[in-house]
C-alpha atoms as a PDB file:
ATOM      1  CA  MET A   1     -18.010  43.155  -8.438  1.00  0.00           C
ATOM      2  CA  THR A   2     -14.942  45.252  -6.979  1.00  0.00           C
ATOM      3  CA  THR A   3     -11.384  43.954  -6.993  1.00  0.00           C
ATOM      4  CA  ALA A   4     -11.470  43.528  -3.032  1.00  0.00           C
ATOM      5  CA  VAL A   5     -13.893  40.875  -3.450  1.00  0.00           C
ATOM      6  CA  TRP A   6     -11.802  39.322  -6.289  1.00  0.00           C
ATOM      7  CA  GLY A   7      -9.111  39.528  -3.688  1.00  0.00           C
ATOM      8  CA  VAL A   8     -11.206  37.846  -0.785  1.00  0.00           C
ATOM      9  CA  LEU A   9     -12.341  35.017  -3.542  1.00  0.00           C
ATOM     10  CA  ALA A  10      -8.490  34.171  -4.417  1.00  0.00           C
ATOM     11  CA  LEU A  11      -7.798  34.652  -0.371  1.00  0.00           C
ATOM     12  CA  LEU A  12      -9.814  31.806   0.549  1.00  0.00           C
ATOM     13  CA  VAL A  13      -8.878  29.582  -2.203  1.00  0.00           C
ATOM     14  CA  ALA A  14      -5.537  30.097  -1.359  1.00  0.00           C
ATOM     15  CA  ALA A  15      -6.072  29.292   2.146  1.00  0.00           C
ATOM     16  CA  ASN A  16      -7.976  26.225   0.850  1.00  0.00           C
ATOM     17  CA  ALA A  17      -4.789  25.391  -1.325  1.00  0.00           C
ATOM     18  CA  PHE A  18      -2.702  26.095   2.175  1.00  0.00           C
ATOM     19  CA  TYR A  19      -4.771  23.668   4.515  1.00  0.00           C
ATOM     20  CA  VAL A  20      -4.872  21.178   1.764  1.00  0.00           C
ATOM     21  CA  ALA A  21      -1.185  20.350   0.939  1.00  0.00           C
ATOM     22  CA  SER A  22      -0.332  20.959   4.659  1.00  0.00           C
ATOM     23  CA  GLU A  23      -2.262  17.944   4.893  1.00  0.00           C
ATOM     24  CA  PHE A  24      -0.803  15.826   2.529  1.00  0.00           C
ATOM     25  CA  GLY A  25       2.857  16.960   2.985  1.00  0.00           C
ATOM     26  CA  ALA A  26       2.844  15.718   6.773  1.00  0.00           C
ATOM     27  CA  VAL A  27       0.998  12.570   6.279  1.00  0.00           C
ATOM     28  CA  GLY A  28       3.523  11.957   3.519  1.00  0.00           C
ATOM     29  CA  VAL A  29       6.651  13.138   4.302  1.00  0.00           C
ATOM     30  CA  ARG A  30       9.119  10.956   5.819  1.00  0.00           C
ATOM     31  CA  ARG A  31      10.187  11.063   9.441  1.00  0.00           C
ATOM     32  CA  SER A  32      13.788   9.827   9.168  1.00  0.00           C
ATOM     33  CA  ARG A  33      14.217  12.694   7.067  1.00  0.00           C
ATOM     34  CA  ILE A  34      12.556  15.465   8.976  1.00  0.00           C
ATOM     35  CA  ARG A  35      14.683  13.843  12.348  1.00  0.00           C
ATOM     36  CA  ARG A  36      17.587  13.962   9.840  1.00  0.00           C
ATOM     37  CA  MET A  37      17.473  17.445   9.143  1.00  0.00           C
ATOM     38  CA  SER A  38      16.070  18.790  12.393  1.00  0.00           C
ATOM     39  CA  GLU A  39      19.458  17.075  13.735  1.00  0.00           C
ATOM     40  CA  ASP A  40      21.366  18.928  11.537  1.00  0.00           C
ATOM     41  CA  GLY A  41      19.868  22.178  12.737  1.00  0.00           C
ATOM     42  CA  ASN A  42      16.990  23.063  10.475  1.00  0.00           C
ATOM     43  CA  ALA A  43      14.467  24.620  12.787  1.00  0.00           C
ATOM     44  CA  PHE A  44      11.262  24.211  10.550  1.00  0.00           C
ATOM     45  CA  ALA A  45      12.047  20.419  10.620  1.00  0.00           C
ATOM     46  CA  SER A  46      12.825  20.676  14.025  1.00  0.00           C
ATOM     47  CA  TRP A  47       8.650  22.278  14.472  1.00  0.00           C
ATOM     48  CA  LEU A  48       7.609  19.637  11.701  1.00  0.00           C
ATOM     49  CA  LEU A  49       8.975  16.495  13.853  1.00  0.00           C
ATOM     50  CA  PRO A  50       7.424  16.108  17.060  1.00  0.00           C
ATOM     51  CA  PHE A  51       4.020  16.082  14.885  1.00  0.00           C
ATOM     52  CA  VAL A  52       4.807  13.711  12.356  1.00  0.00           C
ATOM     53  CA  GLN A  53       6.600  11.051  15.105  1.00  0.00           C
ATOM     54  CA  ASN A  54       4.035  11.575  17.271  1.00  0.00           C
ATOM     55  CA  PRO A  55       0.073   9.776  15.717  1.00  0.00           C
ATOM     56  CA  ALA A  56      -1.975  11.892  18.246  1.00  0.00           C
ATOM     57  CA  GLU A  57      -0.362  15.207  17.541  1.00  0.00           C
ATOM     58  CA  LEU A  58      -0.079  14.335  13.899  1.00  0.00           C
ATOM     59  CA  GLY A  59      -3.991  13.552  14.042  1.00  0.00           C
ATOM     60  CA  ARG A  60      -4.432  17.145  15.758  1.00  0.00           C
ATOM     61  CA  TYR A  61      -2.444  18.822  12.595  1.00  0.00           C
ATOM     62  CA  VAL A  62      -4.452  17.148  10.463  1.00  0.00           C
ATOM     63  CA  ALA A  63      -7.661  17.923  12.116  1.00  0.00           C
ATOM     64  CA  VAL A  64      -6.808  21.511  11.957  1.00  0.00           C
ATOM     65  CA  SER A  65      -6.217  21.303   8.136  1.00  0.00           C
ATOM     66  CA  GLN A  66      -9.737  19.839   7.902  1.00  0.00           C
ATOM     67  CA  VAL A  67     -11.024  22.924   9.825  1.00  0.00           C
ATOM     68  CA  GLY A  68      -9.135  25.191   7.687  1.00  0.00           C
ATOM     69  CA  ILE A  69     -10.579  23.395   4.733  1.00  0.00           C
ATOM     70  CA  THR A  70     -14.106  23.591   6.282  1.00  0.00           C
ATOM     71  CA  LEU A  71     -14.437  26.719   7.031  1.00  0.00           C
ATOM     72  CA  SER A  72     -12.830  28.619   3.859  1.00  0.00           C
ATOM     73  CA  SER A  73     -14.874  26.659   1.821  1.00  0.00           C
ATOM     74  CA  LEU A  74     -18.275  27.503   4.349  1.00  0.00           C
ATOM     75  CA  ILE A  75     -17.070  31.404   3.491  1.00  0.00           C
ATOM     76  CA  LEU A  76     -15.959  30.837   0.016  1.00  0.00           C
ATOM     77  CA  GLY A  77     -19.810  29.991  -0.903  1.00  0.00           C
ATOM     78  CA  ALA A  78     -21.194  32.919   1.536  1.00  0.00           C
ATOM     79  CA  VAL A  79     -19.201  35.551  -0.136  1.00  0.00           C
ATOM     80  CA  ALA A  80     -20.115  34.674  -3.667  1.00  0.00           C
ATOM     81  CA  GLN A  81     -23.639  34.276  -2.230  1.00  0.00           C
ATOM     82  CA  ALA A  82     -24.133  37.957  -1.206  1.00  0.00           C
ATOM     83  CA  ALA A  83     -21.120  39.649  -3.689  1.00  0.00           C
ATOM     84  CA  VAL A  84     -20.946  37.847  -6.821  1.00  0.00           C
ATOM     85  CA  ALA A  85     -24.005  36.064  -7.282  1.00  0.00           C
ATOM     86  CA  ALA A  86     -25.768  40.017  -7.050  1.00  0.00           C
ATOM     87  CA  ASP A  87     -23.717  41.142  -9.906  1.00  0.00           C
ATOM     88  CA  VAL A  88     -24.130  38.817 -11.964  1.00  0.00           C
ATOM     89  CA  ALA A  89     -27.913  38.681 -11.844  1.00  0.00           C
ATOM     90  CA  PRO A  90     -28.730  41.701 -13.920  1.00  0.00           C
ATOM     91  CA  TYR A  91     -26.681  39.737 -17.136  1.00  0.00           C
ATOM     92  CA  PHE A  92     -28.889  36.824 -16.834  1.00  0.00           C
ATOM     93  CA  SER A  93     -32.136  39.454 -16.739  1.00  0.00           C
ATOM     94  CA  ALA A  94     -30.646  41.515 -19.638  1.00  0.00           C
ATOM     95  CA  TRP A  95     -29.048  39.053 -21.636  1.00  0.00           C
ATOM     96  CA  LEU A  96     -31.467  35.593 -21.359  1.00  0.00           C
ATOM     97  CA  GLY A  97     -34.789  37.947 -20.603  1.00  0.00           C
ATOM     98  CA  PHE A  98     -35.248  35.892 -16.944  1.00  0.00           C
ATOM     99  CA  ASP A  99     -37.238  37.705 -14.040  1.00  0.00           C
ATOM    100  CA  ALA A 100     -35.738  39.085 -11.367  1.00  0.00           C
ATOM    101  CA  HIS A 101     -36.273  35.986  -9.639  1.00  0.00           C
ATOM    102  CA  ALA A 102     -35.270  33.313 -11.795  1.00  0.00           C
ATOM    103  CA  ALA A 103     -32.086  35.858 -13.102  1.00  0.00           C
ATOM    104  CA  THR A 104     -30.913  35.624  -9.335  1.00  0.00           C
ATOM    105  CA  GLU A 105     -31.691  31.568  -8.773  1.00  0.00           C
ATOM    106  CA  ALA A 106     -29.673  30.819 -12.359  1.00  0.00           C
ATOM    107  CA  ALA A 107     -26.606  33.197 -10.984  1.00  0.00           C
ATOM    108  CA  ALA A 108     -26.798  31.764  -8.048  1.00  0.00           C
ATOM    109  CA  ILE A 109     -26.134  28.111  -9.459  1.00  0.00           C
ATOM    110  CA  SER A 110     -23.780  29.882 -12.407  1.00  0.00           C
ATOM    111  CA  VAL A 111     -21.690  31.297  -9.995  1.00  0.00           C
ATOM    112  CA  LEU A 112     -21.676  27.855  -7.374  1.00  0.00           C
ATOM    113  CA  LEU A 113     -20.489  25.315 -10.151  1.00  0.00           C
ATOM    114  CA  ALA A 114     -17.673  27.881 -11.447  1.00  0.00           C
ATOM    115  CA  LEU A 115     -16.443  28.837  -7.907  1.00  0.00           C
ATOM    116  CA  THR A 116     -16.843  24.645  -6.866  1.00  0.00           C
ATOM    117  CA  ALA A 117     -14.790  23.882 -10.747  1.00  0.00           C
ATOM    118  CA  ALA A 118     -11.879  26.854  -9.311  1.00  0.00           C
ATOM    119  CA  GLN A 119     -11.910  25.583  -5.513  1.00  0.00           C
ATOM    120  CA  THR A 120     -11.671  21.557  -6.991  1.00  0.00           C
ATOM    121  CA  LEU A 121      -8.395  22.748  -9.201  1.00  0.00           C
ATOM    122  CA  PHE A 122      -6.863  25.354  -7.130  1.00  0.00           C
ATOM    123  CA  GLY A 123      -7.769  24.492  -3.899  1.00  0.00           C
ATOM    124  CA  GLU A 124      -7.779  20.665  -4.167  1.00  0.00           C
ATOM    125  CA  LEU A 125      -6.236  19.102  -6.987  1.00  0.00           C
ATOM    126  CA  ILE A 126      -3.109  21.371  -7.727  1.00  0.00           C
ATOM    127  CA  PRO A 127      -1.902  21.461  -4.156  1.00  0.00           C
ATOM    128  CA  LYS A 128      -2.495  17.829  -3.355  1.00  0.00           C
ATOM    129  CA  THR A 129      -0.856  16.991  -6.350  1.00  0.00           C
ATOM    130  CA  VAL A 130       2.117  19.217  -5.393  1.00  0.00           C
ATOM    131  CA  ALA A 131       2.676  18.089  -1.511  1.00  0.00           C
ATOM    132  CA  LEU A 132       2.376  14.031  -3.254  1.00  0.00           C
ATOM    133  CA  GLN A 133       5.296  14.992  -5.458  1.00  0.00           C
ATOM    134  CA  PHE A 134       7.540  17.567  -2.591  1.00  0.00           C
ATOM    135  CA  PRO A 135       6.016  16.613   0.980  1.00  0.00           C
ATOM    136  CA  THR A 136       9.137  17.765   2.783  1.00  0.00           C
ATOM    137  CA  GLU A 137       9.526  20.557   1.153  1.00  0.00           C
ATOM    138  CA  VAL A 138       5.961  21.523   1.576  1.00  0.00           C
ATOM    139  CA  ALA A 139       5.474  20.287   5.096  1.00  0.00           C
ATOM    140  CA  LEU A 140       8.517  22.267   5.628  1.00  0.00           C
ATOM    141  CA  VAL A 141       7.242  25.525   4.097  1.00  0.00           C
ATOM    142  CA  THR A 142       3.749  24.786   6.038  1.00  0.00           C
ATOM    143  CA  VAL A 143       4.304  24.010   9.549  1.00  0.00           C
ATOM    144  CA  LEU A 144       5.371  27.733  10.444  1.00  0.00           C
ATOM    145  CA  PRO A 145       1.117  28.673   9.379  1.00  0.00           C
ATOM    146  CA  MET A 146      -0.089  25.217  10.778  1.00  0.00           C
ATOM    147  CA  ARG A 147       1.893  26.180  14.721  1.00  0.00           C
ATOM    148  CA  TRP A 148      -0.433  29.377  14.425  1.00  0.00           C
ATOM    149  CA  SER A 149      -3.721  27.774  13.146  1.00  0.00           C
ATOM    150  CA  LEU A 150      -3.483  25.234  15.968  1.00  0.00           C
ATOM    151  CA  ILE A 151      -3.871  28.237  18.604  1.00  0.00           C
ATOM    152  CA  ALA A 152      -6.007  29.885  16.945  1.00  0.00           C
ATOM    153  CA  PHE A 153      -8.716  26.312  16.029  1.00  0.00           C
ATOM    154  CA  ARG A 154      -8.034  24.765  19.634  1.00  0.00           C
ATOM    155  CA  PRO A 155     -11.226  25.306  20.461  1.00  0.00           C
ATOM    156  CA  PHE A 156     -12.984  23.784  17.348  1.00  0.00           C
ATOM    157  CA  ILE A 157      -9.727  20.806  17.572  1.00  0.00           C
ATOM    158  CA  TRP A 158     -10.793  19.988  21.389  1.00  0.00           C
ATOM    159  CA  LEU A 159     -14.481  20.396  20.579  1.00  0.00           C
ATOM    160  CA  LEU A 160     -14.247  17.749  17.068  1.00  0.00           C
ATOM    161  CA  ASN A 161     -12.272  15.719  18.327  1.00  0.00           C
ATOM    162  CA  GLY A 162     -14.017  15.072  21.619  1.00  0.00           C
ATOM    163  CA  SER A 163     -17.863  14.989  19.577  1.00  0.00           C
ATOM    164  CA  ALA A 164     -16.045  13.016  17.206  1.00  0.00           C
ATOM    165  CA  ASN A 165     -14.539  10.234  19.535  1.00  0.00           C
ATOM    166  CA  ALA A 166     -17.851   9.944  21.721  1.00  0.00           C
ATOM    167  CA  VAL A 167     -19.708   9.182  18.461  1.00  0.00           C
ATOM    168  CA  LEU A 168     -17.198   6.506  18.112  1.00  0.00           C
ATOM    169  CA  ARG A 169     -17.188   5.102  21.714  1.00  0.00           C
ATOM    170  CA  LEU A 170     -21.435   5.117  21.157  1.00  0.00           C
ATOM    171  CA  PHE A 171     -20.424   2.814  17.978  1.00  0.00           C
ATOM    172  CA  ARG A 172     -18.250   0.816  20.276  1.00  0.00           C
ATOM    173  CA  MET A 173     -15.600   1.829  18.305  1.00  0.00           C
ATOM    174  CA  GLN A 174     -11.838   2.758  18.682  1.00  0.00           C
ATOM    175  CA  PRO A 175     -10.698   5.908  17.992  1.00  0.00           C
ATOM    176  CA  GLY A 176      -8.043   5.399  15.519  1.00  0.00           C
ATOM    177  CA  ALA A 177      -4.702   7.890  14.951  1.00  0.00           C
ATOM    178  CA  HIS A 178      -3.076   9.225  11.585  1.00  0.00           C
ATOM    179  CA  ARG A 179       0.013   7.203  10.873  1.00  0.00           C
ATOM    180  CA  HIS A 180       2.533   7.148   8.322  1.00  0.00           C
ATOM    181  CA  LEU A 181       2.436   4.636   6.153  1.00  0.00           C
ATOM    182  CA  HIS A 182       4.779   3.914   3.565  1.00  0.00           C
ATOM    183  CA  SER A 183       3.761   2.432  -0.338  1.00  0.00           C
ATOM    184  CA  PRO A 184       6.597  -0.099  -1.979  1.00  0.00           C
ATOM    185  CA  ASP A 185       8.076   2.262  -4.149  1.00  0.00           C
ATOM    186  CA  GLU A 186       8.525   5.003  -0.896  1.00  0.00           C
ATOM    187  CA  ILE A 187      10.508   1.342   1.103  1.00  0.00           C
ATOM    188  CA  ALA A 188      12.561   1.200  -2.201  1.00  0.00           C
ATOM    189  CA  LEU A 189      13.784   4.941  -1.779  1.00  0.00           C
ATOM    190  CA  LEU A 190      14.112   4.580   2.044  1.00  0.00           C
ATOM    191  CA  ILE A 191      16.998   0.989   1.054  1.00  0.00           C
ATOM    192  CA  ALA A 192      18.888   3.618  -1.882  1.00  0.00           C
ATOM    193  CA  GLU A 193      18.457   6.274   0.876  1.00  0.00           C
ATOM    194  CA  SER A 194      20.017   3.942   3.625  1.00  0.00           C
ATOM    195  CA  ARG A 195      22.810   2.105   1.045  1.00  0.00           C
ATOM    196  CA  ASP A 196      23.707   6.566   0.140  1.00  0.00           C
ATOM    197  CA  GLY A 197      24.215   7.145   3.359  1.00  0.00           C
ATOM    198  CA  GLY A 198      26.030   4.232   4.409  1.00  0.00           C
ATOM    199  CA  LEU A 199      24.091   2.366   6.812  1.00  0.00           C
ATOM    200  CA  LEU A 200      23.500  -0.759   3.985  1.00  0.00           C
ATOM    201  CA  GLU A 201      26.138  -2.302   2.217  1.00  0.00           C
ATOM    202  CA  PRO A 202      25.188  -2.611  -1.616  1.00  0.00           C
ATOM    203  CA  GLU A 203      24.910  -6.037  -1.021  1.00  0.00           C
ATOM    204  CA  GLU A 204      22.650  -5.800   1.764  1.00  0.00           C
ATOM    205  CA  GLN A 205      20.762  -3.100  -0.291  1.00  0.00           C
ATOM    206  CA  GLN A 206      20.329  -5.825  -2.972  1.00  0.00           C
ATOM    207  CA  ARG A 207      18.413  -8.501  -0.644  1.00  0.00           C
ATOM    208  CA  LEU A 208      16.233  -6.239   0.422  1.00  0.00           C
ATOM    209  CA  HIS A 209      15.092  -5.314  -2.633  1.00  0.00           C
ATOM    210  CA  ARG A 210      14.468  -8.760  -3.453  1.00  0.00           C
ATOM    211  CA  ALA A 211      12.139  -9.100  -0.809  1.00  0.00           C
ATOM    212  CA  LEU A 212       9.967  -6.334  -1.134  1.00  0.00           C
ATOM    213  CA  ARG A 213       9.453  -7.667  -4.809  1.00  0.00           C
ATOM    214  CA  LEU A 214       9.258 -10.661  -3.147  1.00  0.00           C
ATOM    215  CA  SER A 215       5.577  -9.474  -2.367  1.00  0.00           C
ATOM    216  CA  ARG A 216       4.582  -8.959  -5.846  1.00  0.00           C
ATOM    217  CA  ARG A 217       5.482 -12.524  -6.998  1.00  0.00           C
ATOM    218  CA  SER A 218       2.809 -15.124  -7.183  1.00  0.00           C
ATOM    219  CA  ALA A 219       3.142 -18.744  -6.266  1.00  0.00           C
ATOM    220  CA  LYS A 220       2.480 -18.944 -10.133  1.00  0.00           C
ATOM    221  CA  ASP A 221       5.576 -16.896 -11.147  1.00  0.00           C
ATOM    222  CA  MET A 222       7.722 -19.251  -8.961  1.00  0.00           C
ATOM    223  CA  MET A 223       6.518 -22.371  -9.310  1.00  0.00           C
ATOM    224  CA  VAL A 224       7.906 -24.711 -11.687  1.00  0.00           C
ATOM    225  CA  PRO A 225       5.036 -25.787 -14.254  1.00  0.00           C
ATOM    226  CA  ARG A 226       3.277 -29.361 -13.937  1.00  0.00           C
ATOM    227  CA  ASP A 227       4.556 -30.068 -17.249  1.00  0.00           C
ATOM    228  CA  LYS A 228       8.099 -29.665 -16.617  1.00  0.00           C
ATOM    229  CA  LEU A 229       8.081 -31.745 -13.578  1.00  0.00           C
ATOM    230  CA  GLN A 230      10.026 -34.824 -12.884  1.00  0.00           C
ATOM    231  CA  MET A 231       7.067 -37.147 -11.342  1.00  0.00           C
ATOM    232  CA  ILE A 232       7.328 -40.477 -10.642  1.00  0.00           C
ATOM    233  CA  ASP A 233       4.401 -43.131 -11.825  1.00  0.00           C
ATOM    234  CA  VAL A 234       3.614 -44.899  -7.992  1.00  0.00           C
ATOM    235  CA  ASP A 235       2.178 -48.109 -10.234  1.00  0.00           C
ATOM    236  CA  ALA A 236       5.778 -48.207 -11.797  1.00  0.00           C
ATOM    237  CA  SER A 237       7.877 -50.823 -11.028  1.00  0.00           C
ATOM    238  CA  TRP A 238      10.438 -51.083  -8.358  1.00  0.00           C
ATOM    239  CA  SER A 239      13.222 -50.797 -10.467  1.00  0.00           C
ATOM    240  CA  SER A 240      12.174 -47.777 -13.280  1.00  0.00           C
ATOM    241  CA  THR A 241      11.039 -45.819 -10.033  1.00  0.00           C
ATOM    242  CA  LEU A 242      14.883 -46.141  -8.203  1.00  0.00           C
ATOM    243  CA  GLU A 243      16.473 -45.466 -11.838  1.00  0.00           C
ATOM    244  CA  ALA A 244      14.429 -41.969 -12.135  1.00  0.00           C
ATOM    245  CA  ALA A 245      14.975 -41.239  -8.340  1.00  0.00           C
ATOM    246  CA  ALA A 246      18.649 -42.144  -8.876  1.00  0.00           C
ATOM    247  CA  ALA A 247      18.742 -39.517 -12.105  1.00  0.00           C
ATOM    248  CA  SER A 248      17.235 -36.837 -10.287  1.00  0.00           C
ATOM    249  CA  PRO A 249      19.137 -34.436  -8.678  1.00  0.00           C
ATOM    250  CA  PHE A 250      16.269 -33.465  -6.163  1.00  0.00           C
ATOM    251  CA  SER A 251      15.513 -35.856  -2.603  1.00  0.00           C
ATOM    252  CA  ARG A 252      11.649 -35.297  -3.085  1.00  0.00           C
ATOM    253  CA  LEU A 253       9.444 -35.949  -6.130  1.00  0.00           C
ATOM    254  CA  PRO A 254       5.544 -35.627  -6.480  1.00  0.00           C
ATOM    255  CA  ALA A 255       3.816 -38.873  -7.317  1.00  0.00           C
ATOM    256  CA  TYR A 256       0.945 -39.001  -9.318  1.00  0.00           C
ATOM    257  CA  ARG A 257      -1.323 -42.547 -10.639  1.00  0.00           C
ATOM    258  CA  GLY A 258      -2.593 -42.850 -13.978  1.00  0.00           C
ATOM    259  CA  SER A 259      -2.017 -39.207 -15.276  1.00  0.00           C
ATOM    260  CA  ARG A 260       0.068 -36.414 -13.861  1.00  0.00           C
ATOM    261  CA  GLU A 261      -2.914 -34.110 -13.347  1.00  0.00           C
ATOM    262  CA  HIS A 262      -3.301 -36.668 -10.743  1.00  0.00           C
ATOM    263  CA  VAL A 263      -0.694 -36.049  -7.951  1.00  0.00           C
ATOM    264  CA  VAL A 264      -0.886 -38.489  -5.186  1.00  0.00           C
ATOM    265  CA  GLY A 265       1.690 -37.401  -2.530  1.00  0.00           C
ATOM    266  CA  ILE A 266       5.321 -36.992  -2.457  1.00  0.00           C
ATOM    267  CA  LEU A 267       7.896 -39.778  -2.373  1.00  0.00           C
ATOM    268  CA  ARG A 268      10.686 -38.911  -0.550  1.00  0.00           C
ATOM    269  CA  ILE A 269      14.414 -40.476  -2.489  1.00  0.00           C
ATOM    270  CA  LYS A 270      15.725 -41.164   1.289  1.00  0.00           C
ATOM    271  CA  ASP A 271      12.495 -43.277   2.215  1.00  0.00           C
ATOM    272  CA  LEU A 272      12.348 -45.098  -1.098  1.00  0.00           C
ATOM    273  CA  VAL A 273      16.125 -46.326  -1.289  1.00  0.00           C
ATOM    274  CA  LEU A 274      15.552 -47.216   2.447  1.00  0.00           C
ATOM    275  CA  ARG A 275      12.640 -49.364   1.629  1.00  0.00           C
ATOM    276  CA  TYR A 276      14.286 -51.031  -1.339  1.00  0.00           C
ATOM    277  CA  VAL A 277      17.487 -51.680   1.030  1.00  0.00           C
ATOM    278  CA  ALA A 278      14.713 -53.335   3.784  1.00  0.00           C
ATOM    279  CA  SER A 279      12.182 -55.492   1.965  1.00  0.00           C
ATOM    280  CA  GLY A 280      13.633 -55.839  -1.939  1.00  0.00           C
ATOM    281  CA  GLY A 281      11.155 -54.162  -3.116  1.00  0.00           C
ATOM    282  CA  ALA A 282       8.376 -56.639  -1.767  1.00  0.00           C
ATOM    283  CA  ALA A 283       6.550 -53.805  -0.194  1.00  0.00           C
ATOM    284  CA  SER A 284       3.990 -51.181  -1.427  1.00  0.00           C
ATOM    285  CA  MET A 285       5.771 -48.033  -2.831  1.00  0.00           C
ATOM    286  CA  GLU A 286       1.937 -45.827  -2.582  1.00  0.00           C
ATOM    287  CA  SER A 287       2.903 -46.504   1.561  1.00  0.00           C
ATOM    288  CA  LEU A 288       5.930 -44.683   1.501  1.00  0.00           C
ATOM    289  CA  LEU A 289       4.136 -41.741  -0.140  1.00  0.00           C
ATOM    290  CA  ARG A 290       3.641 -37.886   2.091  1.00  0.00           C
ATOM    291  CA  PRO A 291       1.082 -35.452   2.308  1.00  0.00           C
ATOM    292  CA  PHE A 292       2.126 -32.415   0.249  1.00  0.00           C
ATOM    293  CA  ILE A 293      -0.020 -28.619   0.899  1.00  0.00           C
ATOM    294  CA  ARG A 294      -1.909 -26.253  -1.696  1.00  0.00           C
ATOM    295  CA  VAL A 295      -0.962 -23.221  -2.286  1.00  0.00           C
ATOM    296  CA  PRO A 296      -3.412 -21.064  -4.213  1.00  0.00           C
ATOM    297  CA  ALA A 297      -1.799 -19.541  -7.990  1.00  0.00           C
ATOM    298  CA  HIS A 298      -1.892 -16.250  -7.047  1.00  0.00           C
ATOM    299  CA  LEU A 299      -0.860 -16.188  -3.134  1.00  0.00           C
ATOM    300  CA  PRO A 300       2.430 -14.104  -2.695  1.00  0.00           C
ATOM    301  CA  GLY A 301       6.240 -14.510  -2.174  1.00  0.00           C
ATOM    302  CA  ASP A 302       6.044 -13.490   1.310  1.00  0.00           C
ATOM    303  CA  GLN A 303       2.777 -15.386   2.325  1.00  0.00           C
ATOM    304  CA  VAL A 304       4.059 -18.467   0.383  1.00  0.00           C
ATOM    305  CA  ILE A 305       7.351 -18.601   2.812  1.00  0.00           C
ATOM    306  CA  ALA A 306       5.248 -18.691   5.721  1.00  0.00           C
ATOM    307  CA  MET A 307       2.346 -20.794   4.932  1.00  0.00           C
ATOM    308  CA  LEU A 308       5.533 -23.314   3.934  1.00  0.00           C
ATOM    309  CA  ARG A 309       7.226 -22.199   7.915  1.00  0.00           C
ATOM    310  CA  ASP A 310       3.599 -23.133   9.707  1.00  0.00           C
ATOM    311  CA  LYS A 311       2.861 -26.275   8.221  1.00  0.00           C
ATOM    312  CA  ARG A 312       6.952 -27.193   8.593  1.00  0.00           C
ATOM    313  CA  ALA A 313       6.719 -28.616   4.526  1.00  0.00           C
ATOM    314  CA  HIS A 314       9.253 -27.734   1.764  1.00  0.00           C
ATOM    315  CA  GLN A 315       7.301 -28.726  -0.941  1.00  0.00           C
ATOM    316  CA  ALA A 316       4.052 -27.817  -2.004  1.00  0.00           C
ATOM    317  CA  ALA A 317       1.400 -28.012  -5.619  1.00  0.00           C
ATOM    318  CA  VAL A 318       0.222 -24.863  -6.747  1.00  0.00           C
ATOM    319  CA  VAL A 319      -3.640 -25.383  -7.564  1.00  0.00           C
ATOM    320  CA  ASP A 320      -5.492 -22.946 -10.125  1.00  0.00           C
ATOM    321  CA  ALA A 321      -9.205 -21.378  -9.571  1.00  0.00           C
ATOM    322  CA  ALA A 322     -10.491 -24.964  -9.798  1.00  0.00           C
ATOM    323  CA  GLY A 323      -8.104 -26.949  -7.284  1.00  0.00           C
ATOM    324  CA  GLU A 324      -5.920 -28.896 -10.470  1.00  0.00           C
ATOM    325  CA  VAL A 325      -2.302 -28.974  -9.247  1.00  0.00           C
ATOM    326  CA  ILE A 326      -0.718 -26.546 -11.951  1.00  0.00           C
ATOM    327  CA  GLY A 327       3.246 -27.304 -11.001  1.00  0.00           C
ATOM    328  CA  PHE A 328       5.165 -27.423  -7.914  1.00  0.00           C
ATOM    329  CA  LEU A 329       7.567 -25.098  -5.825  1.00  0.00           C
ATOM    330  CA  THR A 330       9.886 -25.653  -3.183  1.00  0.00           C
ATOM    331  CA  ILE A 331      11.775 -23.385  -0.343  1.00  0.00           C
ATOM    332  CA  GLN A 332      14.691 -23.210  -2.405  1.00  0.00           C
ATOM    333  CA  ASP A 333      12.550 -21.920  -5.419  1.00  0.00           C
ATOM    334  CA  VAL A 334      10.807 -18.808  -3.025  1.00  0.00           C
ATOM    335  CA  LEU A 335      14.233 -18.006  -1.264  1.00  0.00           C
ATOM    336  CA  GLY A 336      15.950 -18.236  -4.981  1.00  0.00           C
ATOM    337  CA  GLN A 337      13.773 -14.621  -5.196  1.00  0.00           C
ATOM    338  CA  PHE A 338      15.185 -13.149  -2.633  1.00  0.00           C
ATOM    339  CA  LEU A 339      18.793 -14.244  -2.373  1.00  0.00           C
ATOM    340  CA  GLY A 340      19.063 -13.386  -6.332  1.00  0.00           C
ATOM    341  CA  GLY A 341      20.860 -17.241  -7.072  1.00  0.00           C
ATOM    342  CA  GLU A 342      19.994 -20.405  -7.408  1.00  0.00           C
ATOM    343  CA  VAL A 343      19.867 -22.504  -4.304  1.00  0.00           C
ATOM    344  CA  ALA A 344      20.303 -25.857  -3.695  1.00  0.00           C
ATOM    345  CA  LYS A 345      18.051 -28.206  -3.926  1.00  0.00           C
ATOM    346  CA  ALA A 346      17.229 -30.052  -0.383  1.00  0.00           C
END
């Protein structure tokens, strides 16, 4: 096999790597950083900005990458079959004693496996890893050749996008656009950069970080376990209940009947005192109980807040998979995770 053939194969693998890197770089880059670099006069950032800030243009950019990857892969396979396999086949005949047909088939399979492994490693995995770690640098380096590719592949893009959209509409699906989605770690980095750039005060940055962590904490992480709760026996005497209420710093206490596993409602201390003043303890304490909502133990903290807000509740029982109450949490418990300190119990 001649040096020219080796050069063509290397060039095709490099082309595949280029288009893979350009795709992941453009999708992973942060728009705010590219916009800032463009405003500072970076020409490459100015060329890239229209693509990353417009979902439709980003879709065209990614489509060009996909066309480039497909074409380089197809040409690589064709060259390998035409040049490499033919040169390798005689070795199978000489070393393994294969006949001409078997040697040709074995050579084709071996070359295909070897080139697939090489292309996967050097044309897919390595460029993707580099682009994910350094998306800004990769996106800026590849933007100029990608602009040329956009011109060269324009007919293919028009045909492929039109065909894809037609098929989607045939199945009553709306064509989608590529958008920048950020992981929690990327959002945390954006918050840190905003602080370093003077857009956020240190206290604001801390609150935003706590809000980000809130979505990672479950109701079980924030609850007060049942065995540590101050609870009231609904069948206890008024005097003992009033003593327990007076000693409690909380304005609402869970009430149970028989055992602490059997929670029957929430008793508001204000209601208890008013009823005692009005009736002297003659009325049933059970009539003062208020219903409570239940939240799954695995529910994230931000969804707990949303549920409490929707239900207009201050307190919720945390239940396990079997529906058994394992603890309670209040809106103050959740907000305490956000504010980073103790919140007064309402």
